[in-house]
Structures are given as structure tokens and as C-alpha cells.
Amino acid sequence: MSAREKLSFVKKIYCIIGIFLLLGSTYLVVKLVMHIWHKVPEESAHEKKMTEEEKMFKNMMEGVEKKVEYDLGYKVIREEKIEDHFHHIGNVPKHDKFNLCISCHGDVPHDKSKEIRAFLNMHSDFLACETCHIKIEKDSHKKYVWYSKENGKLKEIKGIEDYLSNANYKLMPLKYEKGNFNRYDSEQLREFVQKFKNILPDLGPSRKSRGQKMIHKSVSEKPVSCGECHAQTLSESYLPLQEVGYTKGRVAQILGNEVVGMVKKYEKFYIPKLFSPGQKEKSRDK
């Protein structure tokens, strides 16, 4: 191959390389310009039919997850922040896997009175059913412990972060027997309850009633009232608040005048008539 032919071949190679470089750079420039000056796509036919609430929810769900901290006074929670959403979403009550009453009645057992069931069920997050429904008359026989919702292990005193909001522990009473304090939910009672639940569909009314009385034999006819714990003074409070680990600040909140006043004023909770359509208010003249 002559020198002229070699030079011509090299020129062709350089031309081919130059063409590829030109095409590549053109592609990059076009992508860059389109990225900067891109047009917002028009709404699809489906999006045009969506309501404002549906569009807001769609935007909320497509947003990048952000975390935000809230200082609740007694604890700081860190949870996902959703735009246009003002409720705390991170406070999810933990299921009680151990309590014997919960196994039949559930985590939110109060449902008879619509007016106060939320108020009562709120306490079910950190108080065992036995705490209110087994009323101990003698102060010398009162002893309370905290038990784990996960495995039932007992601890006498817990920090406030363990029993308020997303509680890991719940307060329960112990039974005074011959100088000793024992659990009401003994292994024997647990075994009996499990057998009773298994044969319950086959029992007649009489045997069913006898079994239920056996299980609830320690339950008081009237539970502890709100005002007995939210009393005026610490000495008047039914629960030994400081002994079970409540801080002085928290005790002051429980016994505070605003709480006590609320309990006394609303011993009966009334719902305004406007929330009960169809029910005619009786005439005041009658």
C-alpha cells in the first residue's frame, strides 16, 4: 500500500470517529435541553375525572418520604411527614398478646357507651382490665406491677416512656393471699379459660353461665370510677401513683384541677342533639 493510500485510509478512520463524536454530543445536548425545558404533561383522562380529594391523596402518596419529630411533652416521636396531613400517624397502639381478659374481650373492650368509649379505651393502652375491674378495698392489700404486652414479664417500676403512648407495658394488680401477692391470671386460670373457649360452642346456657362466673369471680360488681384515680390529692387517689413509678410532674397532671374538674363535670357525657338526627327533643313545658 502506497503512502497516499495509507493517508487516505487514516483520513477515513478519523472521519468515522468524528461522525460518531458529533452524533454523541448532539444526543447529549438534546437530552440536556429537553430536561431543562421539558413541558409538564397534560392530565390523563383518568386524572381529569379525579376529585380534588383523590388528587391530593395521590400527591401525598407519591411524595418523597420525610421524617419529622414531635415533642409531646413526655416523649419525642419521630415519624413520617405527609404533606397536608396534620394528625400523628406514628402512634400505633401495641397489641397486648398476654392479657387474659384481652384474649376474649379484645384490645378495645369498651363499646357500650358511644359517649365515653374512646375515653375508656384510651386507658386500655396502659392499664390492664384487672386494674379497674378488680377493685381492692384495703390499701394494705394493694400492689401493682407492670407487665410486658409481648411476653408477660413483670417489672415493679417503669419509666414514663414505657407506659404512655405506644406502651410496651401495662399496669396490673396482684392478688393478696395469705400474706403473699400473686397474679390473678394464674396458669391454672389460663388453662381453664383456654379449655372453656374450646368447648364453648357445645355448652348449654347453664354450663356456659357457670364457666363465665368461674372466670370472672374476682371481678368487682362496680369498677373503679374515674374520680377515684383522678382525685384532688395523692392520698385520695385509688392508685399508688408514685409507688408504681409515675413522676411528680405526671402525678400533678393526673390530679390536676382541670382533670378533676372535667371528671366531676362530665360524670355523664352528653352529645348535643344536633348529632342525633331523627330524635326529637322533649318539650321543656311538659
Protein backbone atom coordinates (compact mmCIF):
# COMPACT_ATOMS: atom_id res chain seq x y z
CA MET A 1 0.00 0.00 0.00
CA SER A 2 1.43 3.32 -1.09
CA ALA A 3 1.88 6.31 1.23
CA ARG A 4 -1.00 8.16 -0.46
CA GLU A 5 -3.36 5.20 0.11
CA LYS A 6 -2.30 4.95 3.77
CA LEU A 7 -3.00 8.66 4.27
CA SER A 8 -6.42 8.31 2.65
CA PHE A 9 -7.28 5.33 4.90
CA VAL A 10 -6.30 7.25 8.06
CA LYS A 11 -8.46 10.20 6.96
CA LYS A 12 -11.45 7.90 6.56
CA ILE A 13 -10.94 6.49 10.07
CA TYR A 14 -10.77 10.00 11.52
CA CYS A 15 -13.92 10.99 9.62
CA ILE A 16 -15.83 7.99 11.00
CA ILE A 17 -14.67 8.78 14.55
CA GLY A 18 -15.64 12.44 14.08
CA ILE A 19 -19.12 11.47 12.88
CA PHE A 20 -19.67 9.30 15.99
CA LEU A 21 -18.44 12.07 18.29
CA LEU A 22 -20.73 14.58 16.59
CA LEU A 23 -23.76 12.30 16.92
CA GLY A 24 -22.95 11.57 20.55
CA SER A 25 -22.52 15.21 21.50
CA THR A 26 -25.72 16.13 19.65
CA TYR A 27 -27.63 13.48 21.60
CA LEU A 28 -26.27 14.78 24.93
CA VAL A 29 -27.18 18.38 24.08
CA VAL A 30 -30.72 17.41 23.07
CA LYS A 31 -31.21 15.41 26.31
CA LEU A 32 -29.89 18.30 28.39
CA VAL A 33 -32.10 20.88 26.69
CA MET A 34 -35.18 18.65 26.93
CA HIS A 35 -34.50 18.07 30.63
CA ILE A 36 -34.31 21.82 31.32
CA TRP A 37 -37.16 22.96 29.07
CA HIS A 38 -39.39 19.93 29.29
CA LYS A 39 -43.12 20.53 29.24
CA VAL A 40 -45.40 19.29 32.03
CA PRO A 41 -47.52 16.51 30.51
CA GLU A 42 -51.21 17.18 30.35
CA GLU A 43 -53.50 15.36 32.75
CA SER A 44 -54.67 11.98 31.57
CA ALA A 45 -58.36 11.31 31.03
CA HIS A 46 -58.42 9.39 34.34
CA GLU A 47 -56.80 12.27 36.24
CA LYS A 48 -59.31 14.76 34.80
CA LYS A 49 -62.13 12.70 36.32
CA MET A 50 -60.50 12.57 39.77
CA THR A 51 -61.91 14.69 42.58
CA GLU A 52 -59.77 17.22 44.44
CA GLU A 53 -59.55 14.85 47.42
CA GLU A 54 -58.38 11.98 45.20
CA LYS A 55 -55.74 14.19 43.56
CA MET A 56 -54.49 15.38 46.96
CA PHE A 57 -54.27 11.77 48.21
CA LYS A 58 -52.40 10.77 45.02
CA ASN A 59 -49.89 13.59 45.54
CA MET A 60 -49.48 12.61 49.19
CA MET A 61 -48.73 9.01 48.30
CA GLU A 62 -46.27 9.95 45.53
CA GLY A 63 -44.31 12.36 47.70
CA VAL A 64 -40.82 11.58 48.96
CA GLU A 65 -40.88 10.15 52.47
CA LYS A 66 -39.76 12.67 55.08
CA LYS A 67 -39.31 12.31 58.80
CA VAL A 68 -40.39 14.87 61.38
CA GLU A 69 -40.06 14.99 65.17
CA TYR A 70 -42.86 15.93 67.58
CA ASP A 71 -42.22 16.76 71.23
CA LEU A 72 -45.32 15.52 73.09
CA GLY A 73 -44.07 16.74 76.45
CA TYR A 74 -43.41 13.32 77.93
CA LYS A 75 -41.68 11.85 74.88
CA VAL A 76 -40.41 12.75 71.42
CA ILE A 77 -41.70 10.75 68.48
CA ARG A 78 -40.16 10.65 65.01
CA GLU A 79 -42.50 9.68 62.21
CA GLU A 80 -43.15 10.07 58.51
CA LYS A 81 -44.31 13.51 57.43
CA ILE A 82 -47.11 13.59 54.89
CA GLU A 83 -47.95 16.94 53.35
CA ASP A 84 -51.43 18.29 54.14
CA HIS A 85 -51.79 15.73 56.95
CA PHE A 86 -51.93 17.14 60.48
CA HIS A 87 -52.54 14.03 62.64
CA HIS A 88 -49.79 11.98 64.24
CA ILE A 89 -49.57 8.73 62.32
CA GLY A 90 -46.71 7.09 64.21
CA ASN A 91 -48.56 6.42 67.47
CA VAL A 92 -49.94 2.96 66.82
CA PRO A 93 -51.03 1.11 70.00
CA LYS A 94 -49.20 -2.15 70.55
CA HIS A 95 -51.34 -5.29 70.71
CA ASP A 96 -51.46 -6.99 74.11
CA LYS A 97 -50.51 -10.59 73.42
CA PHE A 98 -50.55 -11.72 77.02
CA ASN A 99 -53.50 -10.34 78.99
CA LEU A 100 -56.10 -13.00 79.78
CA CYS A 101 -59.08 -10.62 79.52
CA ILE A 102 -57.88 -9.30 76.14
CA SER A 103 -57.88 -12.84 74.72
CA CYS A 104 -61.70 -12.73 74.82
CA HIS A 105 -62.64 -9.05 75.00
CA GLY A 106 -60.02 -7.56 72.65
CA ASP A 107 -57.71 -4.54 72.96
CA VAL A 108 -60.62 -2.05 72.84
CA PRO A 109 -63.23 -3.73 75.06
CA HIS A 110 -65.40 -0.70 75.86
CA ASP A 111 -68.14 -0.31 73.26
CA LYS A 112 -71.47 0.04 75.07
CA SER A 113 -71.48 3.79 75.59
CA LYS A 114 -70.68 5.77 72.45
CA GLU A 115 -70.11 8.91 74.51
CA ILE A 116 -67.20 7.66 76.64
CA ARG A 117 -65.87 4.51 74.95
CA ALA A 118 -62.92 6.33 73.35
CA PHE A 119 -62.03 7.87 76.74
CA LEU A 120 -62.10 4.45 78.41
CA ASN A 121 -60.32 2.57 75.62
CA MET A 122 -57.53 5.15 75.74
CA HIS A 123 -56.73 3.89 79.24
CA SER A 124 -56.73 0.29 77.99
CA ASP A 125 -53.43 1.02 76.23
CA PHE A 126 -51.50 1.20 79.54
CA LEU A 127 -53.86 -0.23 82.18
CA ALA A 128 -54.81 -3.91 82.38
CA CYS A 129 -58.52 -4.71 82.60
CA GLU A 130 -57.98 -6.03 86.14
CA THR A 131 -56.65 -2.65 87.32
CA CYS A 132 -60.10 -1.06 87.08
CA HIS A 133 -62.42 -4.06 87.17
CA ILE A 134 -60.94 -5.74 90.26
CA LYS A 135 -61.43 -3.19 93.00
CA ILE A 136 -59.19 -3.71 96.04
CA GLU A 137 -60.73 -2.21 99.15
CA LYS A 138 -57.81 -2.33 101.62
CA ASP A 139 -54.78 -0.14 100.90
CA SER A 140 -52.54 -2.64 102.67
CA HIS A 141 -53.55 -5.27 100.09
CA LYS A 142 -52.79 -3.09 97.08
CA LYS A 143 -49.79 -3.98 94.98
CA TYR A 144 -49.37 -3.19 91.29
CA VAL A 145 -46.77 -4.24 88.76
CA TRP A 146 -46.06 -3.55 85.09
CA TYR A 147 -46.19 -6.49 82.68
CA SER A 148 -44.86 -6.72 79.15
CA LYS A 149 -47.51 -6.92 76.42
CA GLU A 150 -45.17 -9.14 74.46
CA ASN A 151 -44.27 -11.87 76.96
CA GLY A 152 -45.94 -11.04 80.29
CA LYS A 153 -42.72 -10.47 82.23
CA LEU A 154 -43.19 -8.31 85.33
CA LYS A 155 -41.42 -5.18 86.48
CA GLU A 156 -42.42 -3.21 89.55
CA ILE A 157 -41.43 0.26 88.31
CA LYS A 158 -41.15 1.53 84.76
CA GLY A 159 -40.12 4.86 83.33
CA ILE A 160 -42.84 7.11 81.98
CA GLU A 161 -41.75 6.44 78.39
CA ASP A 162 -42.70 2.77 78.81
CA TYR A 163 -46.34 3.16 79.80
CA LEU A 164 -47.58 6.24 77.97
CA SER A 165 -48.39 6.21 74.23
CA ASN A 166 -47.30 3.15 72.28
CA ALA A 167 -46.99 1.50 75.67
CA ASN A 168 -44.87 -1.63 75.94
CA TYR A 169 -46.11 -2.31 79.47
CA LYS A 170 -49.45 -2.23 81.25
CA LEU A 171 -50.23 -1.84 84.94
CA MET A 172 -51.94 -4.75 86.67
CA PRO A 173 -52.87 -5.56 90.30
CA LEU A 174 -51.68 -8.56 92.27
CA LYS A 175 -53.91 -10.69 94.48
CA TYR A 176 -53.23 -10.78 98.22
CA GLU A 177 -53.39 -14.37 99.53
CA LYS A 178 -52.18 -15.47 102.95
CA GLY A 179 -49.52 -12.79 103.17
CA ASN A 180 -48.34 -13.19 99.58
CA PHE A 181 -49.06 -11.34 96.36
CA ASN A 182 -49.91 -13.49 93.35
CA ARG A 183 -51.19 -12.86 89.84
CA TYR A 184 -54.91 -13.04 89.18
CA ASP A 185 -54.21 -14.61 85.78
CA SER A 186 -52.60 -17.74 87.20
CA GLU A 187 -51.51 -20.63 85.00
CA GLN A 188 -54.45 -22.68 86.29
CA LEU A 189 -56.93 -19.97 85.30
CA ARG A 190 -55.29 -19.58 81.90
CA GLU A 191 -55.58 -23.31 81.27
CA PHE A 192 -59.23 -23.28 82.36
CA VAL A 193 -60.06 -20.31 80.09
CA GLN A 194 -58.46 -21.99 77.08
CA LYS A 195 -60.39 -25.24 77.63
CA PHE A 196 -63.58 -23.26 78.21
CA LYS A 197 -63.16 -21.37 74.93
CA ASN A 198 -62.57 -24.63 73.05
CA ILE A 199 -65.80 -26.27 74.29
CA LEU A 200 -67.91 -23.10 74.48
CA PRO A 201 -69.87 -23.77 71.23
CA ASP A 202 -71.07 -27.10 72.63
CA LEU A 203 -72.13 -25.85 76.08
CA GLY A 204 -75.69 -25.21 77.15
CA PRO A 205 -76.76 -21.91 78.80
CA SER A 206 -76.39 -23.26 82.34
CA ARG A 207 -72.86 -24.59 81.97
CA LYS A 208 -71.81 -21.55 79.96
CA SER A 209 -73.04 -19.29 82.79
CA ARG A 210 -71.21 -21.34 85.43
CA GLY A 211 -67.97 -21.18 83.43
CA GLN A 212 -68.20 -17.42 82.97
CA LYS A 213 -68.85 -16.91 86.69
CA MET A 214 -65.78 -19.01 87.48
CA ILE A 215 -63.60 -16.92 85.17
CA HIS A 216 -64.97 -13.59 86.46
CA LYS A 217 -65.16 -14.48 90.15
CA SER A 218 -62.59 -11.81 91.12
CA VAL A 219 -64.25 -9.07 89.04
CA SER A 220 -65.96 -6.38 91.11
CA GLU A 221 -69.61 -5.52 90.56
CA LYS A 222 -68.68 -1.87 90.01
CA PRO A 223 -65.32 -0.88 88.50
CA VAL A 224 -63.05 1.84 89.82
CA SER A 225 -64.51 5.19 88.78
CA CYS A 226 -62.62 7.98 87.00
CA GLY A 227 -62.77 10.27 90.02
CA GLU A 228 -61.22 7.70 92.33
CA CYS A 229 -57.91 7.84 90.47
CA HIS A 230 -58.15 11.44 89.24
CA ALA A 231 -58.69 12.66 92.79
CA GLN A 232 -57.89 16.00 94.40
CA THR A 233 -54.82 14.77 96.29
CA LEU A 234 -52.32 11.93 96.06
CA SER A 235 -53.52 10.38 99.31
CA GLU A 236 -57.09 10.29 97.98
CA SER A 237 -56.14 8.63 94.69
CA TYR A 238 -57.11 4.98 94.40
CA LEU A 239 -53.87 4.03 92.64
CA PRO A 240 -50.50 4.38 94.43
CA LEU A 241 -49.20 6.54 91.60
CA GLN A 242 -45.73 7.29 92.92
CA GLU A 243 -45.11 3.72 94.05
CA VAL A 244 -45.61 2.36 90.52
CA GLY A 245 -43.22 4.87 89.00
CA TYR A 246 -45.20 7.95 88.00
CA THR A 247 -43.06 11.08 88.20
CA LYS A 248 -44.10 14.05 90.33
CA GLY A 249 -44.88 16.02 87.20
CA ARG A 250 -47.08 13.29 85.80
CA VAL A 251 -48.85 12.86 89.17
CA ALA A 252 -49.61 16.59 89.17
CA GLN A 253 -51.18 16.22 85.71
CA ILE A 254 -53.31 13.25 86.78
CA LEU A 255 -54.50 15.02 89.91
CA GLY A 256 -54.63 18.47 88.29
CA ASN A 257 -57.67 20.64 88.82
CA GLU A 258 -58.51 20.65 85.12
CA VAL A 259 -58.64 16.83 85.02
CA VAL A 260 -60.53 16.54 88.30
CA GLY A 261 -62.94 19.27 87.20
CA MET A 262 -63.54 17.54 83.87
CA VAL A 263 -64.26 14.22 85.58
CA LYS A 264 -66.69 15.79 88.07
CA LYS A 265 -68.42 17.94 85.48
CA TYR A 266 -68.83 15.15 82.97
CA GLU A 267 -69.79 12.22 85.15
CA LYS A 268 -72.38 11.80 82.43
CA PHE A 269 -71.21 12.62 78.93
CA TYR A 270 -73.82 14.24 76.74
CA ILE A 271 -73.84 14.51 72.96
CA PRO A 272 -75.61 17.58 71.53
CA LYS A 273 -78.97 16.84 69.92
CA LEU A 274 -77.74 18.05 66.54
CA PHE A 275 -75.60 14.88 66.34
CA SER A 276 -78.68 12.69 66.83
CA PRO A 277 -80.88 13.38 63.79
CA GLY A 278 -84.37 11.94 63.95
CA GLN A 279 -84.59 12.21 67.74
CA LYS A 280 -86.97 14.96 68.81
CA GLU A 281 -86.11 16.80 71.99
CA LYS A 282 -88.86 16.71 74.59
CA SER A 283 -90.67 19.96 75.17
CA ARG A 284 -89.47 21.87 78.25
CA ASP A 285 -93.06 22.76 79.12
CA LYS A 286 -94.00 19.16 79.81
